[in-house]
Amino acid sequence: MKRLASVTAVLALLFAGPVFAWDGTDENGNSVTIDDGNLVRVGQSITYHNDADGEDHEATIDSIDANGGSVEIGLTDDDTGYTHTLTMEQT
């Protein structure tokens, strides 16, 4: 039943369209925000803000995985090609 709830939450994120600002952390524990207006789907390019450098970054989503109370988003930076994992709060 818990697995069904997780799958349902991910599907809701995928098909709900643009989300409001979404807070989380990167693999280094730095705060990140995916701003509203970004369509969070595998294959889509998004803009996220990283508080560590105070910059906005463009990245393409490689994977989305619901994990209990959080959602892990694997993405590749469009400028550098570096792969990141963002752990976002599940709403």
PDB file of N, CA and C in Angstrom:
ATOM      1  N   MET A   1       0.816  -1.191   0.000  1.00  0.00           N
ATOM      2  CA  MET A   1       0.000   0.000   0.000  1.00  0.00           C
ATOM      3  C   MET A   1       0.865   1.263   0.000  1.00  0.00           C
ATOM      4  N   LYS A   2       1.984   1.214   0.762  1.00  0.00           N
ATOM      5  CA  LYS A   2       2.893   2.356   0.806  1.00  0.00           C
ATOM      6  C   LYS A   2       3.514   2.595  -0.566  1.00  0.00           C
ATOM      7  N   ARG A   3       3.818   1.495  -1.270  1.00  0.00           N
ATOM      8  CA  ARG A   3       4.396   1.595  -2.618  1.00  0.00           C
ATOM      9  C   ARG A   3       3.400   2.261  -3.563  1.00  0.00           C
ATOM     10  N   LEU A   4       2.124   1.901  -3.439  1.00  0.00           N
ATOM     11  CA  LEU A   4       1.084   2.495  -4.274  1.00  0.00           C
ATOM     12  C   LEU A   4       0.990   3.995  -4.023  1.00  0.00           C
ATOM     13  N   ALA A   5       1.099   4.401  -2.761  1.00  0.00           N
ATOM     14  CA  ALA A   5       1.048   5.826  -2.436  1.00  0.00           C
ATOM     15  C   ALA A   5       2.227   6.566  -3.054  1.00  0.00           C
ATOM     16  N   SER A   6       3.406   5.945  -3.020  1.00  0.00           N
ATOM     17  CA  SER A   6       4.596   6.569  -3.614  1.00  0.00           C
ATOM     18  C   SER A   6       4.452   6.701  -5.115  1.00  0.00           C
ATOM     19  N   VAL A   7       3.978   5.652  -5.758  1.00  0.00           N
ATOM     20  CA  VAL A   7       3.789   5.681  -7.212  1.00  0.00           C
ATOM     21  C   VAL A   7       2.752   6.735  -7.574  1.00  0.00           C
ATOM     22  N   THR A   8       1.690   6.814  -6.805  1.00  0.00           N
ATOM     23  CA  THR A   8       0.650   7.811  -7.053  1.00  0.00           C
ATOM     24  C   THR A   8       1.203   9.227  -6.920  1.00  0.00           C
ATOM     25  N   ALA A   9       2.030   9.445  -5.909  1.00  0.00           N
ATOM     26  CA  ALA A   9       2.627  10.775  -5.712  1.00  0.00           C
ATOM     27  C   ALA A   9       3.513  11.155  -6.885  1.00  0.00           C
ATOM     28  N   VAL A  10       4.326  10.221  -7.370  1.00  0.00           N
ATOM     29  CA  VAL A  10       5.197  10.501  -8.510  1.00  0.00           C
ATOM     30  C   VAL A  10       4.370  10.790  -9.751  1.00  0.00           C
ATOM     31  N   LEU A  11       3.349   9.995  -9.986  1.00  0.00           N
ATOM     32  CA  LEU A  11       2.496  10.221 -11.150  1.00  0.00           C
ATOM     33  C   LEU A  11       1.803  11.581 -11.069  1.00  0.00           C
ATOM     34  N   ALA A  12       1.382  11.952  -9.879  1.00  0.00           N
ATOM     35  CA  ALA A  12       0.754  13.266  -9.716  1.00  0.00           C
ATOM     36  C   ALA A  12       1.736  14.373 -10.075  1.00  0.00           C
ATOM     37  N   LEU A  13       2.990  14.210  -9.672  1.00  0.00           N
ATOM     38  CA  LEU A  13       4.013  15.203 -10.012  1.00  0.00           C
ATOM     39  C   LEU A  13       4.256  15.259 -11.517  1.00  0.00           C
ATOM     40  N   LEU A  14       4.243  14.102 -12.141  1.00  0.00           N
ATOM     41  CA  LEU A  14       4.542  14.046 -13.565  1.00  0.00           C
ATOM     42  C   LEU A  14       3.431  14.628 -14.425  1.00  0.00           C
ATOM     43  N   PHE A  15       2.200  14.461 -13.997  1.00  0.00           N
ATOM     44  CA  PHE A  15       1.078  14.867 -14.838  1.00  0.00           C
ATOM     45  C   PHE A  15       0.373  16.128 -14.362  1.00  0.00           C
ATOM     46  N   ALA A  16       0.818  16.691 -13.257  1.00  0.00           N
ATOM     47  CA  ALA A  16       0.150  17.864 -12.708  1.00  0.00           C
ATOM     48  C   ALA A  16       0.543  19.156 -13.422  1.00  0.00           C
ATOM     49  N   GLY A  17       1.572  19.089 -14.238  1.00  0.00           N
ATOM     50  CA  GLY A  17       2.037  20.299 -14.899  1.00  0.00           C
ATOM     51  C   GLY A  17       3.046  21.009 -14.028  1.00  0.00           C
ATOM     52  N   PRO A  18       3.256  22.285 -14.284  1.00  0.00           N
ATOM     53  CA  PRO A  18       4.249  23.027 -13.513  1.00  0.00           C
ATOM     54  C   PRO A  18       3.913  23.025 -12.028  1.00  0.00           C
ATOM     55  N   VAL A  19       4.947  22.925 -11.214  1.00  0.00           N
ATOM     56  CA  VAL A  19       4.751  22.910  -9.769  1.00  0.00           C
ATOM     57  C   VAL A  19       5.110  24.260  -9.192  1.00  0.00           C
ATOM     58  N   PHE A  20       4.671  24.508  -7.965  1.00  0.00           N
ATOM     59  CA  PHE A  20       5.115  25.700  -7.260  1.00  0.00           C
ATOM     60  C   PHE A  20       6.570  25.486  -6.880  1.00  0.00           C
ATOM     61  N   ALA A  21       7.209  26.512  -6.347  1.00  0.00           N
ATOM     62  CA  ALA A  21       8.606  26.370  -5.935  1.00  0.00           C
ATOM     63  C   ALA A  21       8.738  25.143  -5.040  1.00  0.00           C
ATOM     64  N   TRP A  22       9.800  24.375  -5.279  1.00  0.00           N
ATOM     65  CA  TRP A  22       9.985  23.087  -4.619  1.00  0.00           C
ATOM     66  C   TRP A  22      11.366  23.083  -3.988  1.00  0.00           C
ATOM     67  N   ASP A  23      11.441  22.885  -2.679  1.00  0.00           N
ATOM     68  CA  ASP A  23      12.700  22.973  -1.940  1.00  0.00           C
ATOM     69  C   ASP A  23      13.305  21.606  -1.679  1.00  0.00           C
ATOM     70  N   GLY A  24      14.644  21.574  -1.619  1.00  0.00           N
ATOM     71  CA  GLY A  24      15.349  20.339  -1.325  1.00  0.00           C
ATOM     72  C   GLY A  24      16.826  20.610  -1.143  1.00  0.00           C
ATOM     73  N   THR A  25      17.634  19.551  -1.304  1.00  0.00           N
ATOM     74  CA  THR A  25      19.085  19.663  -1.174  1.00  0.00           C
ATOM     75  C   THR A  25      19.763  18.924  -2.321  1.00  0.00           C
ATOM     76  N   ASP A  26      21.017  19.316  -2.594  1.00  0.00           N
ATOM     77  CA  ASP A  26      21.796  18.567  -3.575  1.00  0.00           C
ATOM     78  C   ASP A  26      22.601  17.495  -2.857  1.00  0.00           C
ATOM     79  N   GLU A  27      23.444  16.767  -3.594  1.00  0.00           N
ATOM     80  CA  GLU A  27      24.202  15.663  -3.012  1.00  0.00           C
ATOM     81  C   GLU A  27      25.216  16.119  -1.962  1.00  0.00           C
ATOM     82  N   ASN A  28      25.509  17.428  -1.911  1.00  0.00           N
ATOM     83  CA  ASN A  28      26.435  17.972  -0.923  1.00  0.00           C
ATOM     84  C   ASN A  28      25.728  18.589   0.279  1.00  0.00           C
ATOM     85  N   GLY A  29      24.393  18.513   0.296  1.00  0.00           N
ATOM     86  CA  GLY A  29      23.621  19.076   1.398  1.00  0.00           C
ATOM     87  C   GLY A  29      23.296  20.547   1.245  1.00  0.00           C
ATOM     88  N   ASN A  30      23.625  21.129   0.087  1.00  0.00           N
ATOM     89  CA  ASN A  30      23.309  22.534  -0.170  1.00  0.00           C
ATOM     90  C   ASN A  30      21.831  22.685  -0.516  1.00  0.00           C
ATOM     91  N   SER A  31      21.215  23.759  -0.046  1.00  0.00           N
ATOM     92  CA  SER A  31      19.812  24.019  -0.348  1.00  0.00           C
ATOM     93  C   SER A  31      19.633  24.366  -1.821  1.00  0.00           C
ATOM     94  N   VAL A  32      18.598  23.773  -2.425  1.00  0.00           N
ATOM     95  CA  VAL A  32      18.249  24.050  -3.816  1.00  0.00           C
ATOM     96  C   VAL A  32      16.750  24.285  -3.909  1.00  0.00           C
ATOM     97  N   THR A  33      16.348  25.027  -4.924  1.00  0.00           N
ATOM     98  CA  THR A  33      14.933  25.284  -5.177  1.00  0.00           C
ATOM     99  C   THR A  33      14.666  25.138  -6.665  1.00  0.00           C
ATOM    100  N   ILE A  34      13.653  24.349  -6.984  1.00  0.00           N
ATOM    101  CA  ILE A  34      13.149  24.306  -8.357  1.00  0.00           C
ATOM    102  C   ILE A  34      12.003  25.304  -8.388  1.00  0.00           C
ATOM    103  N   ASP A  35      12.169  26.370  -9.168  1.00  0.00           N
ATOM    104  CA  ASP A  35      11.173  27.435  -9.195  1.00  0.00           C
ATOM    105  C   ASP A  35       9.903  27.006  -9.909  1.00  0.00           C
ATOM    106  N   ASP A  36       8.815  27.704  -9.576  1.00  0.00           N
ATOM    107  CA  ASP A  36       7.553  27.425 -10.249  1.00  0.00           C
ATOM    108  C   ASP A  36       7.694  27.708 -11.735  1.00  0.00           C
ATOM    109  N   GLY A  37       6.876  27.061 -12.515  1.00  0.00           N
ATOM    110  CA  GLY A  37       6.946  27.207 -13.965  1.00  0.00           C
ATOM    111  C   GLY A  37       7.782  26.139 -14.631  1.00  0.00           C
ATOM    112  N   ASN A  38       8.465  25.296 -13.858  1.00  0.00           N
ATOM    113  CA  ASN A  38       9.257  24.198 -14.412  1.00  0.00           C
ATOM    114  C   ASN A  38       8.408  22.934 -14.458  1.00  0.00           C
ATOM    115  N   LEU A  39       8.392  22.278 -15.594  1.00  0.00           N
ATOM    116  CA  LEU A  39       7.698  21.013 -15.744  1.00  0.00           C
ATOM    117  C   LEU A  39       8.679  19.915 -15.353  1.00  0.00           C
ATOM    118  N   VAL A  40       8.424  19.273 -14.219  1.00  0.00           N
ATOM    119  CA  VAL A  40       9.348  18.293 -13.668  1.00  0.00           C
ATOM    120  C   VAL A  40       8.995  16.916 -14.213  1.00  0.00           C
ATOM    121  N   ARG A  41       9.648  16.552 -15.319  1.00  0.00           N
ATOM    122  CA  ARG A  41       9.456  15.274 -15.997  1.00  0.00           C
ATOM    123  C   ARG A  41      10.789  14.807 -16.562  1.00  0.00           C
ATOM    124  N   VAL A  42      10.963  13.490 -16.643  1.00  0.00           N
ATOM    125  CA  VAL A  42      12.168  12.937 -17.254  1.00  0.00           C
ATOM    126  C   VAL A  42      12.273  13.455 -18.684  1.00  0.00           C
ATOM    127  N   GLY A  43      13.471  13.934 -19.032  1.00  0.00           N
ATOM    128  CA  GLY A  43      13.722  14.445 -20.374  1.00  0.00           C
ATOM    129  C   GLY A  43      13.511  15.945 -20.510  1.00  0.00           C
ATOM    130  N   GLN A  44      12.874  16.571 -19.525  1.00  0.00           N
ATOM    131  CA  GLN A  44      12.619  18.008 -19.579  1.00  0.00           C
ATOM    132  C   GLN A  44      13.806  18.781 -19.013  1.00  0.00           C
ATOM    133  N   SER A  45      14.027  19.958 -19.544  1.00  0.00           N
ATOM    134  CA  SER A  45      15.044  20.857 -19.017  1.00  0.00           C
ATOM    135  C   SER A  45      14.378  21.776 -17.994  1.00  0.00           C
ATOM    136  N   ILE A  46      15.026  21.956 -16.835  1.00  0.00           N
ATOM    137  CA  ILE A  46      14.486  22.805 -15.780  1.00  0.00           C
ATOM    138  C   ILE A  46      15.540  23.824 -15.351  1.00  0.00           C
ATOM    139  N   THR A  47      15.084  24.829 -14.635  1.00  0.00           N
ATOM    140  CA  THR A  47      15.968  25.781 -13.991  1.00  0.00           C
ATOM    141  C   THR A  47      15.839  25.572 -12.494  1.00  0.00           C
ATOM    142  N   TYR A  48      16.978  25.428 -11.812  1.00  0.00           N
ATOM    143  CA  TYR A  48      16.946  25.332 -10.353  1.00  0.00           C
ATOM    144  C   TYR A  48      17.973  26.301  -9.780  1.00  0.00           C
ATOM    145  N   HIS A  49      17.711  26.736  -8.555  1.00  0.00           N
ATOM    146  CA  HIS A  49      18.594  27.678  -7.870  1.00  0.00           C
ATOM    147  C   HIS A  49      19.367  26.927  -6.797  1.00  0.00           C
ATOM    148  N   ASN A  50      20.684  27.098  -6.782  1.00  0.00           N
ATOM    149  CA  ASN A  50      21.532  26.472  -5.769  1.00  0.00           C
ATOM    150  C   ASN A  50      22.040  27.571  -4.839  1.00  0.00           C
ATOM    151  N   ASP A  51      21.688  27.459  -3.552  1.00  0.00           N
ATOM    152  CA  ASP A  51      22.098  28.481  -2.591  1.00  0.00           C
ATOM    153  C   ASP A  51      23.607  28.509  -2.361  1.00  0.00           C
ATOM    154  N   ALA A  52      24.304  27.405  -2.648  1.00  0.00           N
ATOM    155  CA  ALA A  52      25.755  27.346  -2.406  1.00  0.00           C
ATOM    156  C   ALA A  52      26.501  28.390  -3.234  1.00  0.00           C
ATOM    157  N   ASP A  53      26.093  28.568  -4.490  1.00  0.00           N
ATOM    158  CA  ASP A  53      26.769  29.553  -5.337  1.00  0.00           C
ATOM    159  C   ASP A  53      25.861  30.734  -5.687  1.00  0.00           C
ATOM    160  N   GLY A  54      24.616  30.684  -5.243  1.00  0.00           N
ATOM    161  CA  GLY A  54      23.681  31.776  -5.500  1.00  0.00           C
ATOM    162  C   GLY A  54      23.260  31.903  -6.945  1.00  0.00           C
ATOM    163  N   GLU A  55      23.504  30.860  -7.738  1.00  0.00           N
ATOM    164  CA  GLU A  55      23.238  30.903  -9.175  1.00  0.00           C
ATOM    165  C   GLU A  55      22.042  30.034  -9.555  1.00  0.00           C
ATOM    166  N   ASP A  56      21.419  30.383 -10.685  1.00  0.00           N
ATOM    167  CA  ASP A  56      20.420  29.517 -11.311  1.00  0.00           C
ATOM    168  C   ASP A  56      21.154  28.627 -12.299  1.00  0.00           C
ATOM    169  N   HIS A  57      20.721  27.375 -12.391  1.00  0.00           N
ATOM    170  CA  HIS A  57      21.343  26.402 -13.279  1.00  0.00           C
ATOM    171  C   HIS A  57      20.284  25.751 -14.154  1.00  0.00           C
ATOM    172  N   GLU A  58      20.644  25.475 -15.396  1.00  0.00           N
ATOM    173  CA  GLU A  58      19.793  24.740 -16.323  1.00  0.00           C
ATOM    174  C   GLU A  58      20.246  23.285 -16.321  1.00  0.00           C
ATOM    175  N   ALA A  59      19.299  22.363 -16.239  1.00  0.00           N
ATOM    176  CA  ALA A  59      19.650  20.950 -16.225  1.00  0.00           C
ATOM    177  C   ALA A  59      18.524  20.132 -16.836  1.00  0.00           C
ATOM    178  N   THR A  60      18.873  18.964 -17.356  1.00  0.00           N
ATOM    179  CA  THR A  60      17.905  18.038 -17.933  1.00  0.00           C
ATOM    180  C   THR A  60      17.681  16.895 -16.957  1.00  0.00           C
ATOM    181  N   ILE A  61      16.420  16.578 -16.702  1.00  0.00           N
ATOM    182  CA  ILE A  61      16.071  15.524 -15.751  1.00  0.00           C
ATOM    183  C   ILE A  61      16.303  14.157 -16.375  1.00  0.00           C
ATOM    184  N   ASP A  62      17.090  13.324 -15.667  1.00  0.00           N
ATOM    185  CA  ASP A  62      17.393  11.963 -16.115  1.00  0.00           C
ATOM    186  C   ASP A  62      16.520  10.925 -15.431  1.00  0.00           C
ATOM    187  N   SER A  63      16.142  11.177 -14.176  1.00  0.00           N
ATOM    188  CA  SER A  63      15.339  10.199 -13.434  1.00  0.00           C
ATOM    189  C   SER A  63      14.589  10.890 -12.304  1.00  0.00           C
ATOM    190  N   ILE A  64      13.476  10.271 -11.906  1.00  0.00           N
ATOM    191  CA  ILE A  64      12.689  10.724 -10.762  1.00  0.00           C
ATOM    192  C   ILE A  64      12.339   9.488  -9.958  1.00  0.00           C
ATOM    193  N   ASP A  65      12.634   9.510  -8.642  1.00  0.00           N
ATOM    194  CA  ASP A  65      12.377   8.351  -7.800  1.00  0.00           C
ATOM    195  C   ASP A  65      11.799   8.806  -6.463  1.00  0.00           C
ATOM    196  N   ALA A  66      10.545   8.385  -6.187  1.00  0.00           N
ATOM    197  CA  ALA A  66       9.930   8.684  -4.893  1.00  0.00           C
ATOM    198  C   ALA A  66      10.516   7.744  -3.858  1.00  0.00           C
ATOM    199  N   ASN A  67      10.945   8.317  -2.729  1.00  0.00           N
ATOM    200  CA  ASN A  67      11.634   7.565  -1.692  1.00  0.00           C
ATOM    201  C   ASN A  67      11.058   7.943  -0.331  1.00  0.00           C
ATOM    202  N   GLY A  68       9.950   7.340   0.070  1.00  0.00           N
ATOM    203  CA  GLY A  68       9.353   7.694   1.359  1.00  0.00           C
ATOM    204  C   GLY A  68       8.852   9.115   1.364  1.00  0.00           C
ATOM    205  N   GLY A  69       9.460   9.979   2.194  1.00  0.00           N
ATOM    206  CA  GLY A  69       9.019  11.361   2.319  1.00  0.00           C
ATOM    207  C   GLY A  69       9.736  12.319   1.399  1.00  0.00           C
ATOM    208  N   SER A  70      10.532  11.803   0.455  1.00  0.00           N
ATOM    209  CA  SER A  70      11.263  12.682  -0.454  1.00  0.00           C
ATOM    210  C   SER A  70      11.226  12.125  -1.880  1.00  0.00           C
ATOM    211  N   VAL A  71      11.635  12.972  -2.814  1.00  0.00           N
ATOM    212  CA  VAL A  71      11.726  12.577  -4.219  1.00  0.00           C
ATOM    213  C   VAL A  71      13.146  12.881  -4.689  1.00  0.00           C
ATOM    214  N   GLU A  72      13.850  11.858  -5.191  1.00  0.00           N
ATOM    215  CA  GLU A  72      15.195  12.061  -5.726  1.00  0.00           C
ATOM    216  C   GLU A  72      15.099  12.325  -7.222  1.00  0.00           C
ATOM    217  N   ILE A  73      15.738  13.396  -7.645  1.00  0.00           N
ATOM    218  CA  ILE A  73      15.746  13.777  -9.054  1.00  0.00           C
ATOM    219  C   ILE A  73      17.186  13.726  -9.544  1.00  0.00           C
ATOM    220  N   GLY A  74      17.447  12.839 -10.482  1.00  0.00           N
ATOM    221  CA  GLY A  74      18.753  12.776 -11.124  1.00  0.00           C
ATOM    222  C   GLY A  74      18.734  13.693 -12.326  1.00  0.00           C
ATOM    223  N   LEU A  75      19.744  14.552 -12.446  1.00  0.00           N
ATOM    224  CA  LEU A  75      19.766  15.475 -13.578  1.00  0.00           C
ATOM    225  C   LEU A  75      21.194  15.754 -14.026  1.00  0.00           C
ATOM    226  N   THR A  76      21.293  16.252 -15.250  1.00  0.00           N
ATOM    227  CA  THR A  76      22.585  16.591 -15.840  1.00  0.00           C
ATOM    228  C   THR A  76      22.599  18.072 -16.171  1.00  0.00           C
ATOM    229  N   ASP A  77      23.600  18.781 -15.665  1.00  0.00           N
ATOM    230  CA  ASP A  77      23.747  20.210 -15.916  1.00  0.00           C
ATOM    231  C   ASP A  77      23.938  20.434 -17.410  1.00  0.00           C
ATOM    232  N   ASP A  78      23.121  21.302 -17.992  1.00  0.00           N
ATOM    233  CA  ASP A  78      23.177  21.546 -19.434  1.00  0.00           C
ATOM    234  C   ASP A  78      24.471  22.228 -19.868  1.00  0.00           C
ATOM    235  N   ASP A  79      25.109  22.993 -18.989  1.00  0.00           N
ATOM    236  CA  ASP A  79      26.341  23.701 -19.343  1.00  0.00           C
ATOM    237  C   ASP A  79      27.598  22.857 -19.134  1.00  0.00           C
ATOM    238  N   THR A  80      27.662  22.155 -17.995  1.00  0.00           N
ATOM    239  CA  THR A  80      28.895  21.446 -17.638  1.00  0.00           C
ATOM    240  C   THR A  80      28.861  19.948 -17.934  1.00  0.00           C
ATOM    241  N   GLY A  81      27.655  19.374 -18.063  1.00  0.00           N
ATOM    242  CA  GLY A  81      27.520  17.928 -18.259  1.00  0.00           C
ATOM    243  C   GLY A  81      27.642  17.139 -16.964  1.00  0.00           C
ATOM    244  N   TYR A  82      27.820  17.846 -15.836  1.00  0.00           N
ATOM    245  CA  TYR A  82      27.964  17.196 -14.538  1.00  0.00           C
ATOM    246  C   TYR A  82      26.615  16.652 -14.076  1.00  0.00           C
ATOM    247  N   THR A  83      26.611  15.432 -13.521  1.00  0.00           N
ATOM    248  CA  THR A  83      25.392  14.793 -13.043  1.00  0.00           C
ATOM    249  C   THR A  83      25.193  15.105 -11.565  1.00  0.00           C
ATOM    250  N   HIS A  84      23.981  15.501 -11.205  1.00  0.00           N
ATOM    251  CA  HIS A  84      23.615  15.833  -9.829  1.00  0.00           C
ATOM    252  C   HIS A  84      22.433  14.981  -9.385  1.00  0.00           C
ATOM    253  N   THR A  85      22.303  14.834  -8.078  1.00  0.00           N
ATOM    254  CA  THR A  85      21.096  14.245  -7.496  1.00  0.00           C
ATOM    255  C   THR A  85      20.514  15.259  -6.527  1.00  0.00           C
ATOM    256  N   LEU A  86      19.275  15.661  -6.774  1.00  0.00           N
ATOM    257  CA  LEU A  86      18.572  16.561  -5.874  1.00  0.00           C
ATOM    258  C   LEU A  86      17.567  15.744  -5.077  1.00  0.00           C
ATOM    259  N   THR A  87      17.523  15.960  -3.777  1.00  0.00           N
ATOM    260  CA  THR A  87      16.539  15.298  -2.933  1.00  0.00           C
ATOM    261  C   THR A  87      15.536  16.368  -2.517  1.00  0.00           C
ATOM    262  N   MET A  88      14.328  16.241  -3.032  1.00  0.00           N
ATOM    263  CA  MET A  88      13.310  17.259  -2.847  1.00  0.00           C
ATOM    264  C   MET A  88      12.281  16.785  -1.817  1.00  0.00           C
ATOM    265  N   GLU A  89      11.722  17.733  -1.070  1.00  0.00           N
ATOM    266  CA  GLU A  89      10.683  17.430  -0.105  1.00  0.00           C
ATOM    267  C   GLU A  89       9.429  17.002  -0.843  1.00  0.00           C
ATOM    268  N   GLN A  90       8.840  15.893  -0.423  1.00  0.00           N
ATOM    269  CA  GLN A  90       7.620  15.441  -1.071  1.00  0.00           C
ATOM    270  C   GLN A  90       6.443  16.188  -0.446  1.00  0.00           C
ATOM    271  N   THR A  91       5.641  16.822  -1.294  1.00  0.00           N
ATOM    272  CA  THR A  91       4.514  17.601  -0.797  1.00  0.00           C
ATOM    273  C   THR A  91       3.218  16.858  -0.915  1.00  0.00           C
TER     274      THR A  91
END
